[in-house]
PDB file of N, CA and C in Angstrom:
ATOM      1  N   MET A   1      12.410  45.525  12.117  1.00  0.00           N
ATOM      2  CA  MET A   1      10.752  46.020  12.166  1.00  0.00           C
ATOM      3  C   MET A   1      11.416  47.085  11.859  1.00  0.00           C
ATOM      4  N   SER A   2      10.356  47.947  10.779  1.00  0.00           N
ATOM      5  CA  SER A   2      10.100  49.243  10.702  1.00  0.00           C
ATOM      6  C   SER A   2       8.984  49.852  11.759  1.00  0.00           C
ATOM      7  N   LYS A   3       9.845  51.553  11.379  1.00  0.00           N
ATOM      8  CA  LYS A   3       9.148  52.119  12.939  1.00  0.00           C
ATOM      9  C   LYS A   3       7.593  52.955  11.501  1.00  0.00           C
ATOM     10  N   LYS A   4       6.561  52.801  11.682  1.00  0.00           N
ATOM     11  CA  LYS A   4       5.586  53.977  11.088  1.00  0.00           C
ATOM     12  C   LYS A   4       5.718  54.952  10.996  1.00  0.00           C
ATOM     13  N   THR A   5       5.723  55.637  10.375  1.00  0.00           N
ATOM     14  CA  THR A   5       5.825  57.543  10.731  1.00  0.00           C
ATOM     15  C   THR A   5       4.536  58.173   9.674  1.00  0.00           C
ATOM     16  N   LEU A   6       4.131  58.808   9.894  1.00  0.00           N
ATOM     17  CA  LEU A   6       3.240  60.341   9.504  1.00  0.00           C
ATOM     18  C   LEU A   6       3.960  60.588   8.555  1.00  0.00           C
ATOM     19  N   LYS A   7       3.332  61.544   7.771  1.00  0.00           N
ATOM     20  CA  LYS A   7       3.997  62.785   6.617  1.00  0.00           C
ATOM     21  C   LYS A   7       2.471  63.866   6.950  1.00  0.00           C
ATOM     22  N   VAL A   8       3.023  64.911   8.248  1.00  0.00           N
ATOM     23  CA  VAL A   8       2.759  65.888   8.436  1.00  0.00           C
ATOM     24  C   VAL A   8       2.945  67.192   7.091  1.00  0.00           C
ATOM     25  N   THR A   9       1.960  68.073   7.006  1.00  0.00           N
ATOM     26  CA  THR A   9       1.852  69.059   6.249  1.00  0.00           C
ATOM     27  C   THR A   9       1.416  70.556   7.003  1.00  0.00           C
ATOM     28  N   LEU A  10       2.268  71.370   7.069  1.00  0.00           N
ATOM     29  CA  LEU A  10       1.560  72.655   7.809  1.00  0.00           C
ATOM     30  C   LEU A  10       0.445  73.065   6.169  1.00  0.00           C
ATOM     31  N   VAL A  11      -0.334  73.438   6.934  1.00  0.00           N
ATOM     32  CA  VAL A  11      -1.515  74.093   5.569  1.00  0.00           C
ATOM     33  C   VAL A  11      -2.631  76.013   5.650  1.00  0.00           C
ATOM     34  N   LYS A  12      -2.309  75.739   6.866  1.00  0.00           N
ATOM     35  CA  LYS A  12      -2.653  76.932   7.749  1.00  0.00           C
ATOM     36  C   LYS A  12      -1.990  77.622   9.126  1.00  0.00           C
ATOM     37  N   SER A  13      -1.670  78.835   8.635  1.00  0.00           N
ATOM     38  CA  SER A  13      -0.573  79.714   9.612  1.00  0.00           C
ATOM     39  C   SER A  13      -0.917  80.216  10.671  1.00  0.00           C
ATOM     40  N   PRO A  14      -0.292  79.550  12.501  1.00  0.00           N
ATOM     41  CA  PRO A  14      -0.164  79.039  13.032  1.00  0.00           C
ATOM     42  C   PRO A  14      -0.237  80.894  13.673  1.00  0.00           C
ATOM     43  N   VAL A  15      -0.291  81.784  12.432  1.00  0.00           N
ATOM     44  CA  VAL A  15      -0.260  83.134  13.519  1.00  0.00           C
ATOM     45  C   VAL A  15      -1.790  83.757  13.531  1.00  0.00           C
ATOM     46  N   GLY A  16      -2.219  84.298  14.894  1.00  0.00           N
ATOM     47  CA  GLY A  16      -3.589  84.392  15.813  1.00  0.00           C
ATOM     48  C   GLY A  16      -3.880  83.663  15.787  1.00  0.00           C
ATOM     49  N   THR A  17      -3.262  82.005  16.050  1.00  0.00           N
ATOM     50  CA  THR A  17      -3.801  81.256  16.972  1.00  0.00           C
ATOM     51  C   THR A  17      -3.258  81.180  18.428  1.00  0.00           C
ATOM     52  N   ARG A  18      -3.418  80.011  19.314  1.00  0.00           N
ATOM     53  CA  ARG A  18      -3.041  80.265  21.194  1.00  0.00           C
ATOM     54  C   ARG A  18      -1.565  80.078  20.560  1.00  0.00           C
ATOM     55  N   GLY A  19      -1.222  80.859  21.967  1.00  0.00           N
ATOM     56  CA  GLY A  19       0.306  80.776  21.841  1.00  0.00           C
ATOM     57  C   GLY A  19       0.541  78.705  22.038  1.00  0.00           C
ATOM     58  N   THR A  20       0.226  78.413  22.780  1.00  0.00           N
ATOM     59  CA  THR A  20       0.181  76.780  23.002  1.00  0.00           C
ATOM     60  C   THR A  20       0.015  76.089  21.521  1.00  0.00           C
ATOM     61  N   HIS A  21      -0.310  76.476  21.178  1.00  0.00           N
ATOM     62  CA  HIS A  21      -1.349  75.834  19.500  1.00  0.00           C
ATOM     63  C   HIS A  21      -0.288  76.427  18.812  1.00  0.00           C
ATOM     64  N   ARG A  22       0.583  77.168  18.539  1.00  0.00           N
ATOM     65  CA  ARG A  22       2.193  77.582  18.230  1.00  0.00           C
ATOM     66  C   ARG A  22       2.859  77.231  18.636  1.00  0.00           C
ATOM     67  N   ALA A  23       2.959  76.844  19.547  1.00  0.00           N
ATOM     68  CA  ALA A  23       4.308  76.407  20.153  1.00  0.00           C
ATOM     69  C   ALA A  23       4.323  74.455  20.085  1.00  0.00           C
ATOM     70  N   THR A  24       2.805  74.083  19.565  1.00  0.00           N
ATOM     71  CA  THR A  24       2.734  72.390  18.909  1.00  0.00           C
ATOM     72  C   THR A  24       3.234  71.977  17.863  1.00  0.00           C
ATOM     73  N   VAL A  25       2.479  73.085  17.258  1.00  0.00           N
ATOM     74  CA  VAL A  25       3.186  73.343  16.015  1.00  0.00           C
ATOM     75  C   VAL A  25       4.746  73.945  14.897  1.00  0.00           C
ATOM     76  N   LEU A  26       5.310  74.191  16.111  1.00  0.00           N
ATOM     77  CA  LEU A  26       7.227  74.235  16.516  1.00  0.00           C
ATOM     78  C   LEU A  26       7.495  73.048  16.710  1.00  0.00           C
ATOM     79  N   GLY A  27       6.705  72.321  17.826  1.00  0.00           N
ATOM     80  CA  GLY A  27       6.984  71.085  18.457  1.00  0.00           C
ATOM     81  C   GLY A  27       7.176  69.879  17.397  1.00  0.00           C
ATOM     82  N   LEU A  28       6.013  70.072  16.253  1.00  0.00           N
ATOM     83  CA  LEU A  28       6.279  69.615  15.954  1.00  0.00           C
ATOM     84  C   LEU A  28       7.442  69.747  14.799  1.00  0.00           C
ATOM     85  N   GLY A  29       8.067  70.491  14.279  1.00  0.00           N
ATOM     86  CA  GLY A  29       9.294  70.790  13.365  1.00  0.00           C
ATOM     87  C   GLY A  29       8.751  71.475  12.172  1.00  0.00           C
ATOM     88  N   LEU A  30       7.707  71.882  12.610  1.00  0.00           N
ATOM     89  CA  LEU A  30       7.004  72.558  11.763  1.00  0.00           C
ATOM     90  C   LEU A  30       7.162  74.406  11.270  1.00  0.00           C
ATOM     91  N   LYS A  31       7.664  75.071  10.325  1.00  0.00           N
ATOM     92  CA  LYS A  31       7.901  76.666  10.155  1.00  0.00           C
ATOM     93  C   LYS A  31       7.212  77.169   9.285  1.00  0.00           C
ATOM     94  N   LYS A  32       6.982  76.923   7.375  1.00  0.00           N
ATOM     95  CA  LYS A  32       6.875  77.540   7.333  1.00  0.00           C
ATOM     96  C   LYS A  32       5.038  75.901   6.234  1.00  0.00           C
ATOM     97  N   ILE A  33       4.451  77.725   5.967  1.00  0.00           N
ATOM     98  CA  ILE A  33       3.224  77.013   4.792  1.00  0.00           C
ATOM     99  C   ILE A  33       3.284  75.639   3.665  1.00  0.00           C
ATOM    100  N   ASN A  34       3.215  74.914   3.725  1.00  0.00           N
ATOM    101  CA  ASN A  34       3.509  73.555   2.776  1.00  0.00           C
ATOM    102  C   ASN A  34       5.034  72.298   3.357  1.00  0.00           C
ATOM    103  N   GLN A  35       5.040  72.876   4.744  1.00  0.00           N
ATOM    104  CA  GLN A  35       6.506  72.560   5.415  1.00  0.00           C
ATOM    105  C   GLN A  35       6.439  70.868   4.965  1.00  0.00           C
ATOM    106  N   VAL A  36       6.430  69.909   5.011  1.00  0.00           N
ATOM    107  CA  VAL A  36       6.741  68.629   5.540  1.00  0.00           C
ATOM    108  C   VAL A  36       7.452  68.196   5.799  1.00  0.00           C
ATOM    109  N   ARG A  37       6.937  67.466   6.823  1.00  0.00           N
ATOM    110  CA  ARG A  37       7.318  66.198   7.751  1.00  0.00           C
ATOM    111  C   ARG A  37       7.174  64.790   8.536  1.00  0.00           C
ATOM    112  N   GLU A  38       8.511  64.047   8.183  1.00  0.00           N
ATOM    113  CA  GLU A  38       7.911  62.695   8.522  1.00  0.00           C
ATOM    114  C   GLU A  38       8.546  61.671  10.123  1.00  0.00           C
ATOM    115  N   LEU A  39       7.230  62.011  10.960  1.00  0.00           N
ATOM    116  CA  LEU A  39       7.860  61.605  12.201  1.00  0.00           C
ATOM    117  C   LEU A  39       7.305  60.217  12.468  1.00  0.00           C
ATOM    118  N   GLU A  40       7.487  60.061  13.494  1.00  0.00           N
ATOM    119  CA  GLU A  40       7.121  58.747  14.362  1.00  0.00           C
ATOM    120  C   GLU A  40       5.876  58.238  14.445  1.00  0.00           C
ATOM    121  N   ASP A  41       5.514  57.389  14.064  1.00  0.00           N
ATOM    122  CA  ASP A  41       4.027  57.603  14.595  1.00  0.00           C
ATOM    123  C   ASP A  41       4.001  56.704  16.539  1.00  0.00           C
ATOM    124  N   THR A  42       3.625  57.973  16.970  1.00  0.00           N
ATOM    125  CA  THR A  42       3.577  57.663  18.730  1.00  0.00           C
ATOM    126  C   THR A  42       2.732  57.579  19.312  1.00  0.00           C
ATOM    127  N   PRO A  43       2.000  57.473  20.699  1.00  0.00           N
ATOM    128  CA  PRO A  43       1.213  58.308  20.967  1.00  0.00           C
ATOM    129  C   PRO A  43       1.169  60.290  21.709  1.00  0.00           C
ATOM    130  N   ALA A  44       2.237  60.636  21.693  1.00  0.00           N
ATOM    131  CA  ALA A  44       3.174  62.519  21.723  1.00  0.00           C
ATOM    132  C   ALA A  44       2.469  62.903  20.501  1.00  0.00           C
ATOM    133  N   VAL A  45       3.045  62.226  19.471  1.00  0.00           N
ATOM    134  CA  VAL A  45       2.722  62.361  18.344  1.00  0.00           C
ATOM    135  C   VAL A  45       1.897  63.120  17.736  1.00  0.00           C
ATOM    136  N   ARG A  46       0.671  61.868  18.263  1.00  0.00           N
ATOM    137  CA  ARG A  46      -0.712  61.360  17.147  1.00  0.00           C
ATOM    138  C   ARG A  46      -1.492  62.821  18.249  1.00  0.00           C
ATOM    139  N   GLY A  47      -1.000  63.039  19.574  1.00  0.00           N
ATOM    140  CA  GLY A  47      -1.821  63.888  21.064  1.00  0.00           C
ATOM    141  C   GLY A  47      -1.281  65.388  20.070  1.00  0.00           C
ATOM    142  N   MET A  48      -0.073  66.129  19.726  1.00  0.00           N
ATOM    143  CA  MET A  48      -0.077  66.861  19.543  1.00  0.00           C
ATOM    144  C   MET A  48      -0.964  66.966  18.050  1.00  0.00           C
ATOM    145  N   ILE A  49      -0.590  66.376  16.886  1.00  0.00           N
ATOM    146  CA  ILE A  49      -1.203  66.239  15.451  1.00  0.00           C
ATOM    147  C   ILE A  49      -2.795  67.047  16.364  1.00  0.00           C
ATOM    148  N   ASN A  50      -3.629  66.182  16.728  1.00  0.00           N
ATOM    149  CA  ASN A  50      -4.983  66.184  17.761  1.00  0.00           C
ATOM    150  C   ASN A  50      -5.208  67.650  18.173  1.00  0.00           C
ATOM    151  N   LYS A  51      -4.156  68.221  18.769  1.00  0.00           N
ATOM    152  CA  LYS A  51      -4.798  69.693  19.010  1.00  0.00           C
ATOM    153  C   LYS A  51      -4.743  70.416  18.156  1.00  0.00           C
ATOM    154  N   VAL A  52      -3.243  70.765  17.214  1.00  0.00           N
ATOM    155  CA  VAL A  52      -3.508  71.561  15.513  1.00  0.00           C
ATOM    156  C   VAL A  52      -4.178  71.279  14.785  1.00  0.00           C
ATOM    157  N   SER A  53      -5.386  69.469  14.419  1.00  0.00           N
ATOM    158  CA  SER A  53      -5.480  69.544  13.826  1.00  0.00           C
ATOM    159  C   SER A  53      -6.489  70.698  12.609  1.00  0.00           C
ATOM    160  N   TYR A  54      -7.038  71.055  13.002  1.00  0.00           N
ATOM    161  CA  TYR A  54      -6.981  72.472  12.146  1.00  0.00           C
ATOM    162  C   TYR A  54      -5.648  73.072  11.058  1.00  0.00           C
ATOM    163  N   LEU A  55      -5.338  72.853  12.021  1.00  0.00           N
ATOM    164  CA  LEU A  55      -3.182  73.649  11.239  1.00  0.00           C
ATOM    165  C   LEU A  55      -2.751  72.807   9.905  1.00  0.00           C
ATOM    166  N   VAL A  56      -2.968  71.186  10.125  1.00  0.00           N
ATOM    167  CA  VAL A  56      -2.345  70.451   9.629  1.00  0.00           C
ATOM    168  C   VAL A  56      -2.965  68.536   8.962  1.00  0.00           C
ATOM    169  N   ARG A  57      -2.243  68.855   7.920  1.00  0.00           N
ATOM    170  CA  ARG A  57      -3.117  67.433   7.471  1.00  0.00           C
ATOM    171  C   ARG A  57      -2.158  66.457   7.244  1.00  0.00           C
ATOM    172  N   VAL A  58      -2.566  65.292   7.827  1.00  0.00           N
ATOM    173  CA  VAL A  58      -1.727  64.631   7.752  1.00  0.00           C
ATOM    174  C   VAL A  58      -1.764  63.825   6.431  1.00  0.00           C
ATOM    175  N   GLN A  59      -0.768  62.559   6.057  1.00  0.00           N
ATOM    176  CA  GLN A  59      -1.184  61.303   5.272  1.00  0.00           C
ATOM    177  C   GLN A  59      -0.508  59.873   6.178  1.00  0.00           C
TER     178      GLN A  59
END
């Protein structure tokens, strides 16, 4: 059984946002604009994406 994944792209800079949101973006492994990470689809990852949904795009 293959694990489901999500492709997350950082589309907006976290500069000027709350510190917790910057930490969440780093927790997702995103450091540069347009950087893409493929992450496992878990409730924890979904919660992190939901928290910074205005900074990232999910495919």
